[in-house]
Every structure is written in C-alpha cells, then in structure tokens.
C-alpha cells in the first residue's frame, strides 16, 4: 500500500487481500503495478506471499502455480523472511520463468497425490 500512495488516480481500496475470502484464488493480494500507474495505466498484479527461512524454502501449491501460469508477468512471489526484516525480502516477478524454469532454484517433489484408479486394469 505504501508503494501506491503517490498515485492518487488509483481507485480506492486498490490493494485487496483476497486470501481471506477466496482461499483458492492462487494468490493472496490484488494490487496495481506501480510502474504502469506512473503513466496513468492501471494494470492489476497478483501477489502470493510466502514466509521463508534463511534458505528461502517455501511450498507452492498446484493452485498457486496455475495462477502464476495464468497471470505470468502480472504475478509476483513475495518471499518474506521469518524474521520479517525488509532487507531479506525477495520479490520475484513471473515465477514460472524466474523460479520453476531457473537453475538458481531447486524444485523438489515433497508429496504425491495418489488415488485409486477405477478405470485401470486389475
């Protein structure tokens, strides 16, 4: 919200925490792109906030990944250190490219979804 204070033409309540009402949205916050607002263009952005340890370990759900794929450059991961210190905050735009398809990040399968196959051969 602080980032957008200097843009009075933005609509009231331009930053919304959607995760309280829509837990399956795939992101936590709807906001606006500050750079676009500089040119009086109002482009929504979608922010997923993750609390991370010193190794920036976080879990990203299938639903959140699907939202990142849908919104691409308008989707951001905010990786907030568990100490809540600003200097450790990482903001990653388009995490499909900058996390999933980036050798800097190690992606590991933590769980498998398993169910009975009713249509399989016995």
Protein backbone atom coordinates (compact mmCIF):
# COMPACT_ATOMS: atom_id res chain seq x y z
CA UNK A 1 0.00 0.00 0.00
CA UNK A 2 2.93 2.34 0.74
CA UNK A 3 4.21 1.91 -2.83
CA UNK A 4 0.97 3.26 -4.26
CA UNK A 5 0.47 6.32 -2.03
CA UNK A 6 1.85 8.68 -4.69
CA UNK A 7 -0.71 7.60 -7.29
CA UNK A 8 -3.95 9.40 -6.34
CA UNK A 9 -5.77 8.35 -9.53
CA UNK A 10 -5.77 4.71 -8.45
CA UNK A 11 -9.17 3.51 -7.23
CA UNK A 12 -9.91 3.45 -3.51
CA UNK A 13 -9.15 0.11 -1.93
CA UNK A 14 -6.77 -0.65 -4.80
CA UNK A 15 -4.95 -3.18 -2.63
CA UNK A 16 -7.13 -6.10 -1.58
CA UNK A 17 -6.25 -9.14 0.49
CA UNK A 18 -8.28 -11.79 -1.31
CA UNK A 19 -6.92 -14.84 0.51
CA UNK A 20 -9.29 -14.34 3.45
CA UNK A 21 -12.40 -14.61 1.28
CA UNK A 22 -11.12 -16.68 -1.67
CA UNK A 23 -8.67 -19.24 -0.34
CA UNK A 24 -8.47 -20.94 -3.74
CA UNK A 25 -7.61 -17.78 -5.72
CA UNK A 26 -3.98 -18.87 -6.11
CA UNK A 27 -2.65 -15.61 -4.67
CA UNK A 28 -3.05 -13.55 -1.51
CA UNK A 29 -3.25 -9.93 -2.67
CA UNK A 30 -4.57 -7.99 -5.66
CA UNK A 31 -2.83 -4.69 -6.26
CA UNK A 32 -1.70 -2.45 -9.12
CA UNK A 33 1.59 -2.18 -10.95
CA UNK A 34 3.39 0.90 -9.67
CA UNK A 35 5.35 1.43 -12.91
CA UNK A 36 2.22 1.37 -15.07
CA UNK A 37 0.50 3.77 -12.66
CA UNK A 38 3.29 6.27 -13.35
CA UNK A 39 1.87 6.53 -16.87
CA UNK A 40 -1.76 6.56 -15.67
CA UNK A 41 -2.21 2.97 -16.78
CA UNK A 42 -3.72 0.68 -14.21
CA UNK A 43 -2.61 -2.90 -14.55
CA UNK A 44 -3.59 -5.36 -11.83
CA UNK A 45 -0.95 -7.51 -10.24
CA UNK A 46 -1.40 -10.66 -8.18
CA UNK A 47 0.85 -11.29 -5.19
CA UNK A 48 1.48 -14.57 -3.39
CA UNK A 49 3.21 -14.05 -0.05
CA UNK A 50 5.42 -16.79 1.40
CA UNK A 51 7.18 -16.74 4.74
CA UNK A 52 10.62 -18.28 4.21
CA UNK A 53 13.54 -19.45 6.31
CA UNK A 54 17.17 -18.38 5.77
CA UNK A 55 17.43 -20.74 2.77
CA UNK A 56 14.30 -19.24 1.19
CA UNK A 57 12.49 -22.58 1.47
CA UNK A 58 8.78 -22.35 0.68
CA UNK A 59 5.94 -24.56 -0.51
CA UNK A 60 3.99 -23.60 -3.59
CA UNK A 61 0.65 -25.28 -4.24
CA UNK A 62 -0.59 -26.54 -7.61
CA UNK A 63 -3.33 -23.91 -7.46
CA UNK A 64 -0.79 -21.13 -6.90
CA UNK A 65 1.40 -22.41 -9.74
CA UNK A 66 -1.64 -22.47 -12.04
CA UNK A 67 -2.40 -18.84 -11.11
CA UNK A 68 1.23 -17.91 -11.81
CA UNK A 69 0.95 -19.54 -15.24
CA UNK A 70 -2.29 -17.66 -15.93
CA UNK A 71 -1.07 -14.20 -14.87
CA UNK A 72 2.63 -14.59 -15.83
CA UNK A 73 4.34 -11.16 -15.64
CA UNK A 74 1.47 -9.82 -13.51
CA UNK A 75 2.09 -12.48 -10.82
CA UNK A 76 4.64 -11.90 -8.07
CA UNK A 77 6.05 -14.00 -5.26
CA UNK A 78 6.93 -12.01 -2.16
CA UNK A 79 9.35 -14.12 -0.13
CA UNK A 80 9.29 -12.67 3.37
CA UNK A 81 11.97 -13.85 5.81
CA UNK A 82 10.59 -15.33 9.02
CA UNK A 83 12.47 -12.53 10.83
CA UNK A 84 10.28 -10.03 8.90
CA UNK A 85 13.32 -7.87 8.08
CA UNK A 86 12.92 -5.79 4.92
CA UNK A 87 16.46 -6.36 3.64
CA UNK A 88 15.80 -10.07 3.18
CA UNK A 89 12.58 -9.60 1.19
CA UNK A 90 12.72 -11.08 -2.31
CA UNK A 91 10.14 -10.05 -4.89
CA UNK A 92 10.01 -12.34 -7.91
CA UNK A 93 8.02 -11.36 -10.98
CA UNK A 94 6.77 -14.19 -13.24
CA UNK A 95 7.97 -17.06 -11.05
CA UNK A 96 7.11 -19.53 -13.80
CA UNK A 97 10.24 -18.35 -15.58
CA UNK A 98 12.20 -16.99 -12.64
CA UNK A 99 11.70 -19.93 -10.25
CA UNK A 100 10.30 -23.01 -11.99
CA UNK A 101 12.44 -22.63 -15.11
CA UNK A 102 15.53 -21.20 -13.43
CA UNK A 103 18.52 -23.25 -12.27
CA UNK A 104 19.02 -20.85 -9.36
CA UNK A 105 16.07 -22.52 -7.61
CA UNK A 106 15.89 -26.20 -6.71
CA UNK A 107 12.35 -27.55 -7.06
CA UNK A 108 11.67 -30.87 -5.32
CA UNK A 109 8.57 -33.03 -5.11
CA UNK A 110 7.51 -33.17 -1.48
CA UNK A 111 4.28 -35.16 -1.82
CA UNK A 112 2.48 -37.36 -4.31
CA UNK A 113 -1.24 -37.27 -4.83
CA UNK A 114 -2.41 -40.88 -5.01
CA UNK A 115 -5.90 -42.25 -5.52
CA UNK A 116 -7.50 -45.47 -6.58
CA UNK A 117 -7.70 -45.94 -10.34
CA UNK A 118 -11.25 -47.14 -11.01
CA UNK A 119 -10.58 -47.47 -14.71
CA UNK A 120 -7.28 -49.32 -14.52
CA UNK A 121 -6.81 -52.97 -15.38
CA UNK A 122 -6.73 -55.34 -12.41
